[in-house]
C-alpha atoms as a PDB file:
ATOM      1  CA  UNK A   1       7.351   9.078 -19.184  1.00  0.00           C
ATOM      2  CA  UNK A   2       4.245   8.415 -17.309  1.00  0.00           C
ATOM      3  CA  UNK A   3       2.551  11.917 -16.501  1.00  0.00           C
ATOM      4  CA  UNK A   4       2.097  12.950 -12.987  1.00  0.00           C
ATOM      5  CA  UNK A   5      -1.061  12.268 -10.781  1.00  0.00           C
ATOM      6  CA  UNK A   6      -4.360  13.096 -12.498  1.00  0.00           C
ATOM      7  CA  UNK A   7      -7.382  14.155 -10.406  1.00  0.00           C
ATOM      8  CA  UNK A   8     -10.329  11.747 -11.054  1.00  0.00           C
ATOM      9  CA  UNK A   9     -13.554  10.776  -9.176  1.00  0.00           C
ATOM     10  CA  UNK A  10     -14.244   7.990  -8.304  1.00  0.00           C
ATOM     11  CA  UNK A  11     -10.754   6.341  -8.524  1.00  0.00           C
ATOM     12  CA  UNK A  12     -11.594   2.745  -8.334  1.00  0.00           C
ATOM     13  CA  UNK A  13     -14.406   2.333 -10.836  1.00  0.00           C
ATOM     14  CA  UNK A  14     -13.733   0.375 -14.158  1.00  0.00           C
ATOM     15  CA  UNK A  15     -12.646   3.397 -16.400  1.00  0.00           C
ATOM     16  CA  UNK A  16     -10.221   4.447 -13.601  1.00  0.00           C
ATOM     17  CA  UNK A  17      -8.771   0.911 -13.283  1.00  0.00           C
ATOM     18  CA  UNK A  18      -8.292   0.683 -16.999  1.00  0.00           C
ATOM     19  CA  UNK A  19      -6.152   3.800 -16.683  1.00  0.00           C
ATOM     20  CA  UNK A  20      -4.282   2.329 -13.686  1.00  0.00           C
ATOM     21  CA  UNK A  21      -3.335  -0.783 -15.584  1.00  0.00           C
ATOM     22  CA  UNK A  22      -1.984   1.359 -18.226  1.00  0.00           C
ATOM     23  CA  UNK A  23       0.359   3.027 -15.793  1.00  0.00           C
ATOM     24  CA  UNK A  24      -1.470   6.280 -14.938  1.00  0.00           C
ATOM     25  CA  UNK A  25      -1.310   7.780 -11.450  1.00  0.00           C
ATOM     26  CA  UNK A  26      -4.646   8.924 -10.217  1.00  0.00           C
ATOM     27  CA  UNK A  27      -5.781  11.006  -7.237  1.00  0.00           C
ATOM     28  CA  UNK A  28      -9.111  11.495  -5.720  1.00  0.00           C
ATOM     29  CA  UNK A  29      -9.145  14.778  -3.693  1.00  0.00           C
ATOM     30  CA  UNK A  30     -11.068  15.770  -0.528  1.00  0.00           C
ATOM     31  CA  UNK A  31     -12.867  12.418  -0.172  1.00  0.00           C
ATOM     32  CA  UNK A  32     -15.519  13.066   2.516  1.00  0.00           C
ATOM     33  CA  UNK A  33     -14.854   9.781   4.454  1.00  0.00           C
ATOM     34  CA  UNK A  34     -11.068  10.344   4.234  1.00  0.00           C
ATOM     35  CA  UNK A  35     -11.244  13.495   6.574  1.00  0.00           C
ATOM     36  CA  UNK A  36     -13.044  11.409   9.093  1.00  0.00           C
ATOM     37  CA  UNK A  37     -10.603   8.502   8.817  1.00  0.00           C
ATOM     38  CA  UNK A  38      -7.557  10.832   8.796  1.00  0.00           C
ATOM     39  CA  UNK A  39      -9.016  12.389  12.067  1.00  0.00           C
ATOM     40  CA  UNK A  40      -9.594   9.087  13.628  1.00  0.00           C
ATOM     41  CA  UNK A  41      -6.084   7.634  12.802  1.00  0.00           C
ATOM     42  CA  UNK A  42      -4.535  10.988  13.916  1.00  0.00           C
ATOM     43  CA  UNK A  43      -6.426  10.754  17.307  1.00  0.00           C
ATOM     44  CA  UNK A  44      -5.161   7.117  17.817  1.00  0.00           C
ATOM     45  CA  UNK A  45      -1.620   8.083  17.009  1.00  0.00           C
ATOM     46  CA  UNK A  46      -1.757  11.066  19.432  1.00  0.00           C
ATOM     47  CA  UNK A  47      -3.029   8.827  22.254  1.00  0.00           C
ATOM     48  CA  UNK A  48      -0.346   6.239  21.393  1.00  0.00           C
ATOM     49  CA  UNK A  49       2.530   8.617  21.649  1.00  0.00           C
ATOM     50  CA  UNK A  50       1.083  10.791  24.566  1.00  0.00           C
ATOM     51  CA  UNK A  51       2.365  13.197  25.968  1.00  0.00           C
ATOM     52  CA  UNK A  52       4.603  13.621  22.755  1.00  0.00           C
ATOM     53  CA  UNK A  53       3.557  14.615  19.362  1.00  0.00           C
ATOM     54  CA  UNK A  54       3.672  11.486  17.258  1.00  0.00           C
ATOM     55  CA  UNK A  55       5.490  13.385  14.504  1.00  0.00           C
ATOM     56  CA  UNK A  56       8.204  14.448  16.961  1.00  0.00           C
ATOM     57  CA  UNK A  57       8.268  11.529  19.379  1.00  0.00           C
ATOM     58  CA  UNK A  58      11.500  10.216  17.845  1.00  0.00           C
ATOM     59  CA  UNK A  59      13.217  13.309  19.411  1.00  0.00           C
ATOM     60  CA  UNK A  60      12.308  12.345  22.913  1.00  0.00           C
ATOM     61  CA  UNK A  61      11.984   8.517  23.042  1.00  0.00           C
ATOM     62  CA  UNK A  62      14.815   5.954  22.627  1.00  0.00           C
ATOM     63  CA  UNK A  63      14.512   3.694  19.733  1.00  0.00           C
ATOM     64  CA  UNK A  64      13.140   0.654  21.638  1.00  0.00           C
ATOM     65  CA  UNK A  65      10.375   2.675  23.380  1.00  0.00           C
ATOM     66  CA  UNK A  66       9.480   4.441  20.145  1.00  0.00           C
ATOM     67  CA  UNK A  67       9.110   1.169  18.046  1.00  0.00           C
ATOM     68  CA  UNK A  68       7.190  -0.510  20.879  1.00  0.00           C
ATOM     69  CA  UNK A  69       4.575   2.247  20.874  1.00  0.00           C
ATOM     70  CA  UNK A  70       4.349   2.117  17.198  1.00  0.00           C
ATOM     71  CA  UNK A  71       3.793  -1.675  17.032  1.00  0.00           C
ATOM     72  CA  UNK A  72       1.051  -1.223  19.538  1.00  0.00           C
ATOM     73  CA  UNK A  73      -0.439   1.608  17.440  1.00  0.00           C
ATOM     74  CA  UNK A  74      -0.487  -0.494  14.408  1.00  0.00           C
ATOM     75  CA  UNK A  75      -1.955  -3.388  16.235  1.00  0.00           C
ATOM     76  CA  UNK A  76      -4.677  -1.088  17.552  1.00  0.00           C
ATOM     77  CA  UNK A  77      -5.360   0.154  14.165  1.00  0.00           C
ATOM     78  CA  UNK A  78      -5.840  -3.267  12.890  1.00  0.00           C
ATOM     79  CA  UNK A  79      -8.242  -4.269  15.611  1.00  0.00           C
ATOM     80  CA  UNK A  80     -10.216  -0.957  15.792  1.00  0.00           C
ATOM     81  CA  UNK A  81     -13.985  -1.346  14.693  1.00  0.00           C
ATOM     82  CA  UNK A  82     -14.114   2.259  13.978  1.00  0.00           C
ATOM     83  CA  UNK A  83     -11.300   2.029  11.293  1.00  0.00           C
ATOM     84  CA  UNK A  84     -12.974  -1.073   9.907  1.00  0.00           C
ATOM     85  CA  UNK A  85     -16.258   0.775   9.391  1.00  0.00           C
ATOM     86  CA  UNK A  86     -14.650   3.911   7.918  1.00  0.00           C
ATOM     87  CA  UNK A  87     -12.488   1.672   5.632  1.00  0.00           C
ATOM     88  CA  UNK A  88     -15.546   0.049   4.063  1.00  0.00           C
ATOM     89  CA  UNK A  89     -17.121   3.536   3.629  1.00  0.00           C
ATOM     90  CA  UNK A  90     -13.931   4.810   2.018  1.00  0.00           C
ATOM     91  CA  UNK A  91     -13.896   1.918  -0.517  1.00  0.00           C
ATOM     92  CA  UNK A  92     -17.463   2.695  -1.500  1.00  0.00           C
ATOM     93  CA  UNK A  93     -16.568   6.401  -1.805  1.00  0.00           C
ATOM     94  CA  UNK A  94     -13.686   5.438  -4.135  1.00  0.00           C
ATOM     95  CA  UNK A  95     -16.067   3.634  -6.569  1.00  0.00           C
ATOM     96  CA  UNK A  96     -15.378  -0.077  -5.422  1.00  0.00           C
ATOM     97  CA  UNK A  97     -18.273  -2.444  -5.451  1.00  0.00           C
ATOM     98  CA  UNK A  98     -18.488  -4.276  -2.210  1.00  0.00           C
ATOM     99  CA  UNK A  99     -18.920  -7.844  -3.755  1.00  0.00           C
ATOM    100  CA  UNK A 100     -16.127  -7.264  -6.305  1.00  0.00           C
ATOM    101  CA  UNK A 101     -13.378  -5.776  -3.932  1.00  0.00           C
ATOM    102  CA  UNK A 102     -10.813  -7.622  -2.157  1.00  0.00           C
ATOM    103  CA  UNK A 103      -8.144  -5.948   0.045  1.00  0.00           C
ATOM    104  CA  UNK A 104      -5.356  -6.290   2.482  1.00  0.00           C
ATOM    105  CA  UNK A 105      -5.565  -4.571   5.872  1.00  0.00           C
ATOM    106  CA  UNK A 106      -5.138  -0.732   6.237  1.00  0.00           C
ATOM    107  CA  UNK A 107      -1.479  -0.249   7.196  1.00  0.00           C
ATOM    108  CA  UNK A 108      -0.502   2.807   9.316  1.00  0.00           C
ATOM    109  CA  UNK A 109       2.995   3.892   8.598  1.00  0.00           C
ATOM    110  CA  UNK A 110       5.166   6.155  10.544  1.00  0.00           C
ATOM    111  CA  UNK A 111       8.740   7.020   9.090  1.00  0.00           C
ATOM    112  CA  UNK A 112      11.068   8.972  11.439  1.00  0.00           C
ATOM    113  CA  UNK A 113      13.941  10.760   9.963  1.00  0.00           C
ATOM    114  CA  UNK A 114      16.459   9.305  12.465  1.00  0.00           C
ATOM    115  CA  UNK A 115      18.043   6.014  11.121  1.00  0.00           C
ATOM    116  CA  UNK A 116      18.419   4.876  14.750  1.00  0.00           C
ATOM    117  CA  UNK A 117      14.493   4.727  15.076  1.00  0.00           C
ATOM    118  CA  UNK A 118      13.964   3.156  11.642  1.00  0.00           C
ATOM    119  CA  UNK A 119      13.714  -0.393  12.693  1.00  0.00           C
ATOM    120  CA  UNK A 120      10.811  -2.511  11.679  1.00  0.00           C
ATOM    121  CA  UNK A 121       8.008  -1.425  11.326  1.00  0.00           C
ATOM    122  CA  UNK A 122       9.300   2.153  10.846  1.00  0.00           C
ATOM    123  CA  UNK A 123      11.704   1.327   8.023  1.00  0.00           C
ATOM    124  CA  UNK A 124      11.567   3.209   4.774  1.00  0.00           C
ATOM    125  CA  UNK A 125      10.771   0.806   2.044  1.00  0.00           C
ATOM    126  CA  UNK A 126      13.568   0.306  -0.628  1.00  0.00           C
ATOM    127  CA  UNK A 127      12.636   0.486  -4.319  1.00  0.00           C
ATOM    128  CA  UNK A 128      10.206  -2.324  -5.321  1.00  0.00           C
ATOM    129  CA  UNK A 129       7.133  -3.344  -7.262  1.00  0.00           C
ATOM    130  CA  UNK A 130       4.456  -4.891  -4.875  1.00  0.00           C
ATOM    131  CA  UNK A 131       3.693  -7.306  -7.741  1.00  0.00           C
ATOM    132  CA  UNK A 132       7.208  -8.904  -7.212  1.00  0.00           C
ATOM    133  CA  UNK A 133       5.676 -10.051  -3.778  1.00  0.00           C
ATOM    134  CA  UNK A 134       1.949 -10.803  -4.538  1.00  0.00           C
ATOM    135  CA  UNK A 135       2.254 -12.006  -8.172  1.00  0.00           C
ATOM    136  CA  UNK A 136      -1.009 -10.387  -8.885  1.00  0.00           C
ATOM    137  CA  UNK A 137      -0.815  -8.021 -11.873  1.00  0.00           C
ATOM    138  CA  UNK A 138      -4.391  -6.819 -11.167  1.00  0.00           C
ATOM    139  CA  UNK A 139      -3.346  -5.271  -7.888  1.00  0.00           C
ATOM    140  CA  UNK A 140      -3.888  -1.557  -7.172  1.00  0.00           C
ATOM    141  CA  UNK A 141      -2.200   0.377  -4.414  1.00  0.00           C
ATOM    142  CA  UNK A 142      -3.633   3.145  -2.546  1.00  0.00           C
ATOM    143  CA  UNK A 143      -1.662   5.637  -0.456  1.00  0.00           C
ATOM    144  CA  UNK A 144      -2.671   8.660   1.647  1.00  0.00           C
ATOM    145  CA  UNK A 145      -0.802  10.931   3.967  1.00  0.00           C
ATOM    146  CA  UNK A 146      -2.078  12.054   7.387  1.00  0.00           C
ATOM    147  CA  UNK A 147       0.032  15.237   7.496  1.00  0.00           C
ATOM    148  CA  UNK A 148       1.718  17.693   5.296  1.00  0.00           C
ATOM    149  CA  UNK A 149       4.302  16.345   2.770  1.00  0.00           C
ATOM    150  CA  UNK A 150       7.353  17.785   1.078  1.00  0.00           C
ATOM    151  CA  UNK A 151       9.675  16.487  -1.451  1.00  0.00           C
ATOM    152  CA  UNK A 152      12.246  15.155   1.061  1.00  0.00           C
ATOM    153  CA  UNK A 153       9.664  13.232   2.995  1.00  0.00           C
ATOM    154  CA  UNK A 154       7.144  11.358   0.922  1.00  0.00           C
ATOM    155  CA  UNK A 155       6.882   8.399  -1.295  1.00  0.00           C
ATOM    156  CA  UNK A 156       8.553   8.297  -4.681  1.00  0.00           C
ATOM    157  CA  UNK A 157       7.558   6.716  -7.848  1.00  0.00           C
ATOM    158  CA  UNK A 158      10.127   5.677 -10.598  1.00  0.00           C
ATOM    159  CA  UNK A 159       7.668   6.280 -13.479  1.00  0.00           C
ATOM    160  CA  UNK A 160      10.422   5.732 -16.025  1.00  0.00           C
ATOM    161  CA  UNK A 161      10.624   2.046 -14.907  1.00  0.00           C
ATOM    162  CA  UNK A 162       7.060   1.419 -15.868  1.00  0.00           C
ATOM    163  CA  UNK A 163       7.668  -0.062 -19.300  1.00  0.00           C
ATOM    164  CA  UNK A 164      10.832  -2.116 -19.001  1.00  0.00           C
ATOM    165  CA  UNK A 165      12.471  -4.724 -16.678  1.00  0.00           C
ATOM    166  CA  UNK A 166      14.302  -3.847 -13.612  1.00  0.00           C
ATOM    167  CA  UNK A 167      16.682  -6.189 -12.072  1.00  0.00           C
ATOM    168  CA  UNK A 168      15.405  -7.545  -8.764  1.00  0.00           C
ATOM    169  CA  UNK A 169      15.721 -10.319  -6.246  1.00  0.00           C
ATOM    170  CA  UNK A 170      12.100 -11.729  -6.608  1.00  0.00           C
ATOM    171  CA  UNK A 171      13.253 -15.137  -7.786  1.00  0.00           C
ATOM    172  CA  UNK A 172      14.751 -15.927  -4.513  1.00  0.00           C
ATOM    173  CA  UNK A 173      11.784 -14.510  -2.429  1.00  0.00           C
ATOM    174  CA  UNK A 174       8.760 -16.652  -1.330  1.00  0.00           C
ATOM    175  CA  UNK A 175       5.917 -15.290   0.474  1.00  0.00           C
ATOM    176  CA  UNK A 176       5.273 -18.771   1.977  1.00  0.00           C
ATOM    177  CA  UNK A 177       8.854 -18.624   3.422  1.00  0.00           C
ATOM    178  CA  UNK A 178       8.200 -15.187   4.802  1.00  0.00           C
ATOM    179  CA  UNK A 179       5.281 -16.450   6.832  1.00  0.00           C
ATOM    180  CA  UNK A 180       6.999 -19.543   8.019  1.00  0.00           C
ATOM    181  CA  UNK A 181      10.222 -17.734   9.080  1.00  0.00           C
ATOM    182  CA  UNK A 182       8.221 -15.090  10.860  1.00  0.00           C
ATOM    183  CA  UNK A 183       5.968 -17.650  12.607  1.00  0.00           C
ATOM    184  CA  UNK A 184       9.273 -19.055  14.101  1.00  0.00           C
ATOM    185  CA  UNK A 185      10.397 -15.452  15.194  1.00  0.00           C
ATOM    186  CA  UNK A 186      13.125 -15.471  12.488  1.00  0.00           C
ATOM    187  CA  UNK A 187      13.974 -12.725  10.075  1.00  0.00           C
ATOM    188  CA  UNK A 188      13.344 -12.775   6.263  1.00  0.00           C
ATOM    189  CA  UNK A 189      13.270  -9.983   3.880  1.00  0.00           C
ATOM    190  CA  UNK A 190       9.898  -8.327   3.885  1.00  0.00           C
ATOM    191  CA  UNK A 191       9.711  -7.844   0.202  1.00  0.00           C
ATOM    192  CA  UNK A 192      11.724  -8.352  -2.939  1.00  0.00           C
ATOM    193  CA  UNK A 193      13.676  -5.130  -3.991  1.00  0.00           C
ATOM    194  CA  UNK A 194      15.267  -3.695  -6.992  1.00  0.00           C
ATOM    195  CA  UNK A 195      19.030  -4.707  -7.304  1.00  0.00           C
ATOM    196  CA  UNK A 196      20.326  -1.964  -9.665  1.00  0.00           C
ATOM    197  CA  UNK A 197      20.924   1.665  -8.977  1.00  0.00           C
ATOM    198  CA  UNK A 198      19.835   2.556 -12.456  1.00  0.00           C
ATOM    199  CA  UNK A 199      16.234   3.302 -11.776  1.00  0.00           C
ATOM    200  CA  UNK A 200      15.593   6.590 -13.485  1.00  0.00           C
ATOM    201  CA  UNK A 201      14.309   9.771 -11.851  1.00  0.00           C
ATOM    202  CA  UNK A 202      12.403   9.401  -8.442  1.00  0.00           C
ATOM    203  CA  UNK A 203       9.151  11.440  -8.626  1.00  0.00           C
ATOM    204  CA  UNK A 204       8.129  12.631  -5.179  1.00  0.00           C
ATOM    205  CA  UNK A 205       4.302  12.379  -4.561  1.00  0.00           C
ATOM    206  CA  UNK A 206       2.864  15.471  -3.134  1.00  0.00           C
ATOM    207  CA  UNK A 207      -0.760  15.419  -2.228  1.00  0.00           C
ATOM    208  CA  UNK A 208      -2.826  16.866   0.702  1.00  0.00           C
ATOM    209  CA  UNK A 209      -4.259  15.100   3.817  1.00  0.00           C
ATOM    210  CA  UNK A 210      -7.660  14.153   2.794  1.00  0.00           C
ATOM    211  CA  UNK A 211      -6.504  13.051  -0.772  1.00  0.00           C
ATOM    212  CA  UNK A 212      -5.719   9.664  -1.833  1.00  0.00           C
ATOM    213  CA  UNK A 213      -3.384   8.359  -4.461  1.00  0.00           C
ATOM    214  CA  UNK A 214      -4.029   5.148  -6.655  1.00  0.00           C
ATOM    215  CA  UNK A 215      -1.353   3.558  -8.794  1.00  0.00           C
ATOM    216  CA  UNK A 216      -0.734  -0.099 -10.161  1.00  0.00           C
ATOM    217  CA  UNK A 217       1.110  -2.436  -7.838  1.00  0.00           C
ATOM    218  CA  UNK A 218       3.427  -2.864 -10.905  1.00  0.00           C
ATOM    219  CA  UNK A 219       4.768   0.694 -10.390  1.00  0.00           C
ATOM    220  CA  UNK A 220       8.195   0.890  -8.999  1.00  0.00           C
ATOM    221  CA  UNK A 221       8.146   2.908  -5.759  1.00  0.00           C
ATOM    222  CA  UNK A 222       9.921   3.445  -2.433  1.00  0.00           C
ATOM    223  CA  UNK A 223       9.874   5.475   0.811  1.00  0.00           C
ATOM    224  CA  UNK A 224      11.790   8.732   1.021  1.00  0.00           C
ATOM    225  CA  UNK A 225      13.058  10.659   4.112  1.00  0.00           C
ATOM    226  CA  UNK A 226      15.971  12.900   3.853  1.00  0.00           C
ATOM    227  CA  UNK A 227      15.040  15.538   6.429  1.00  0.00           C
ATOM    228  CA  UNK A 228      17.484  14.855   9.377  1.00  0.00           C
ATOM    229  CA  UNK A 229      15.763  17.201  11.724  1.00  0.00           C
ATOM    230  CA  UNK A 230      12.214  17.152  10.289  1.00  0.00           C
ATOM    231  CA  UNK A 231       9.067  15.611  11.683  1.00  0.00           C
ATOM    232  CA  UNK A 232       8.192  11.869  10.915  1.00  0.00           C
ATOM    233  CA  UNK A 233       5.966  10.994   7.937  1.00  0.00           C
ATOM    234  CA  UNK A 234       2.581   9.601   8.946  1.00  0.00           C
ATOM    235  CA  UNK A 235       0.494   7.849   6.222  1.00  0.00           C
ATOM    236  CA  UNK A 236      -1.495   4.908   5.536  1.00  0.00           C
ATOM    237  CA  UNK A 237      -1.751   2.579   2.504  1.00  0.00           C
ATOM    238  CA  UNK A 238      -3.651  -0.588   1.365  1.00  0.00           C
ATOM    239  CA  UNK A 239      -3.861  -2.675  -1.817  1.00  0.00           C
ATOM    240  CA  UNK A 240      -6.843  -3.922  -3.695  1.00  0.00           C
ATOM    241  CA  UNK A 241      -7.688  -6.626  -6.266  1.00  0.00           C
ATOM    242  CA  UNK A 242     -11.126  -6.651  -8.122  1.00  0.00           C
ATOM    243  CA  UNK A 243     -12.447 -10.105  -8.427  1.00  0.00           C
ATOM    244  CA  UNK A 244     -13.599  -9.241 -11.990  1.00  0.00           C
ATOM    245  CA  UNK A 245     -10.201  -7.939 -13.128  1.00  0.00           C
ATOM    246  CA  UNK A 246      -8.403 -10.950 -11.612  1.00  0.00           C
ATOM    247  CA  UNK A 247     -10.871 -13.467 -13.137  1.00  0.00           C
ATOM    248  CA  UNK A 248     -10.750 -11.863 -16.603  1.00  0.00           C
ATOM    249  CA  UNK A 249      -6.997 -11.192 -16.649  1.00  0.00           C
ATOM    250  CA  UNK A 250      -7.287  -7.399 -16.774  1.00  0.00           C
ATOM    251  CA  UNK A 251      -3.849  -6.236 -15.349  1.00  0.00           C
ATOM    252  CA  UNK A 252      -0.759  -4.228 -15.671  1.00  0.00           C
ATOM    253  CA  UNK A 253       2.043  -5.740 -17.789  1.00  0.00           C
ATOM    254  CA  UNK A 254       4.613  -8.112 -16.141  1.00  0.00           C
ATOM    255  CA  UNK A 255       8.236  -7.164 -17.115  1.00  0.00           C
ATOM    256  CA  UNK A 256      10.250  -8.719 -14.392  1.00  0.00           C
ATOM    257  CA  UNK A 257       8.306 -10.721 -11.704  1.00  0.00           C
ATOM    258  CA  UNK A 258      10.051 -13.877 -10.879  1.00  0.00           C
ATOM    259  CA  UNK A 259       8.774 -15.102  -7.473  1.00  0.00           C
ATOM    260  CA  UNK A 260       7.550 -18.782  -7.297  1.00  0.00           C
ATOM    261  CA  UNK A 261       3.899 -18.110  -6.415  1.00  0.00           C
ATOM    262  CA  UNK A 262       1.004 -15.809  -6.348  1.00  0.00           C
ATOM    263  CA  UNK A 263      -0.609 -14.825  -2.954  1.00  0.00           C
ATOM    264  CA  UNK A 264      -4.351 -14.292  -3.559  1.00  0.00           C
ATOM    265  CA  UNK A 265      -5.011 -15.356   0.057  1.00  0.00           C
ATOM    266  CA  UNK A 266      -3.351 -12.012   1.075  1.00  0.00           C
ATOM    267  CA  UNK A 267      -6.655 -10.305  -0.148  1.00  0.00           C
ATOM    268  CA  UNK A 268      -9.980 -10.486   1.739  1.00  0.00           C
ATOM    269  CA  UNK A 269     -13.411  -9.093   0.875  1.00  0.00           C
ATOM    270  CA  UNK A 270     -14.093  -6.615   3.741  1.00  0.00           C
ATOM    271  CA  UNK A 271     -17.874  -7.108   3.505  1.00  0.00           C
ATOM    272  CA  UNK A 272     -17.680 -10.889   4.477  1.00  0.00           C
ATOM    273  CA  UNK A 273     -14.003 -11.744   5.028  1.00  0.00           C
ATOM    274  CA  UNK A 274     -13.805 -14.318   2.161  1.00  0.00           C
ATOM    275  CA  UNK A 275     -10.392 -14.644   0.630  1.00  0.00           C
ATOM    276  CA  UNK A 276      -9.787 -14.069  -3.090  1.00  0.00           C
ATOM    277  CA  UNK A 277      -8.183 -17.541  -3.224  1.00  0.00           C
ATOM    278  CA  UNK A 278     -11.178 -19.207  -2.012  1.00  0.00           C
ATOM    279  CA  UNK A 279     -13.649 -17.284  -4.166  1.00  0.00           C
ATOM    280  CA  UNK A 280     -11.544 -17.843  -7.405  1.00  0.00           C
ATOM    281  CA  UNK A 281     -11.387 -21.549  -6.744  1.00  0.00           C
ATOM    282  CA  UNK A 282     -15.066 -21.729  -6.424  1.00  0.00           C
ATOM    283  CA  UNK A 283     -15.449 -19.801  -9.657  1.00  0.00           C
ATOM    284  CA  UNK A 284     -13.195 -22.282 -11.274  1.00  0.00           C
ATOM    285  CA  UNK A 285     -14.852 -25.217  -9.806  1.00  0.00           C
ATOM    286  CA  UNK A 286     -18.403 -24.251 -10.894  1.00  0.00           C
ATOM    287  CA  UNK A 287     -17.408 -22.872 -14.120  1.00  0.00           C
ATOM    288  CA  UNK A 288     -19.072 -19.462 -13.331  1.00  0.00           C
ATOM    289  CA  UNK A 289     -18.278 -16.354 -15.435  1.00  0.00           C
ATOM    290  CA  UNK A 290     -18.177 -12.837 -14.299  1.00  0.00           C
ATOM    291  CA  UNK A 291     -19.749  -9.848 -16.239  1.00  0.00           C
ATOM    292  CA  UNK A 292     -17.076  -7.744 -17.912  1.00  0.00           C
ATOM    293  CA  UNK A 293     -16.642  -4.325 -16.308  1.00  0.00           C
ATOM    294  CA  UNK A 294     -15.566  -2.854 -19.598  1.00  0.00           C
END
């Protein structure tokens, strides 16, 4: 059994990452930049669903209108220069070195309790390991709520599944095919998922707005929303890979990944936009070595 979240600061320096690759769940509390980012994202959400409360908008809008506003909001977050600036400051406050850090984009997620309103991109995520999709065992996930949580509306982790294989459909899933199908407007599973009901206990994650949770991308996790009349759950998440970890092979164990390829191009360095794939190819070409972080 992996213990519950442990409070540490910073959450992404080398000692913390070593613990994450061993399966620990870590939380950094009351991060100064987080309060500014939470406020900024909350303001954007309020504007997107005006005059409705974004946490209750599903009670007033039909599904099509609700999902259309959410898609516009997520697009706005991706394009907002204020979000980008706060994101880089957040990474620094978490102990990430700018030259070493590669991330995907910050994803704003709004999960309503009504099944009728849970179409993409508001659908709860089924149990999965992110590493089934990216193929990168050095990947670290970060997740933060923008509002209060309770055990019936949060993210859950299946900590008992950390140290053994879980049946899944990653062997038939290909990120290149996902991109090709979406480019043509077709549907394709957004991620590989667990295919067995025997997953062990689901541990609800309960942290406060302003806190941020880090866990290995190899942890089995899922969305959870069981309150039929409650508010929507608003959160954000992103993933990072440190070049030094990826280059040195420092990573979580791989028990059950079977997808046909890795996806290093998924991760970009926020400071200059370079992709992890391009940088690692250059290192291999020049025979360069990176200083070990531990």
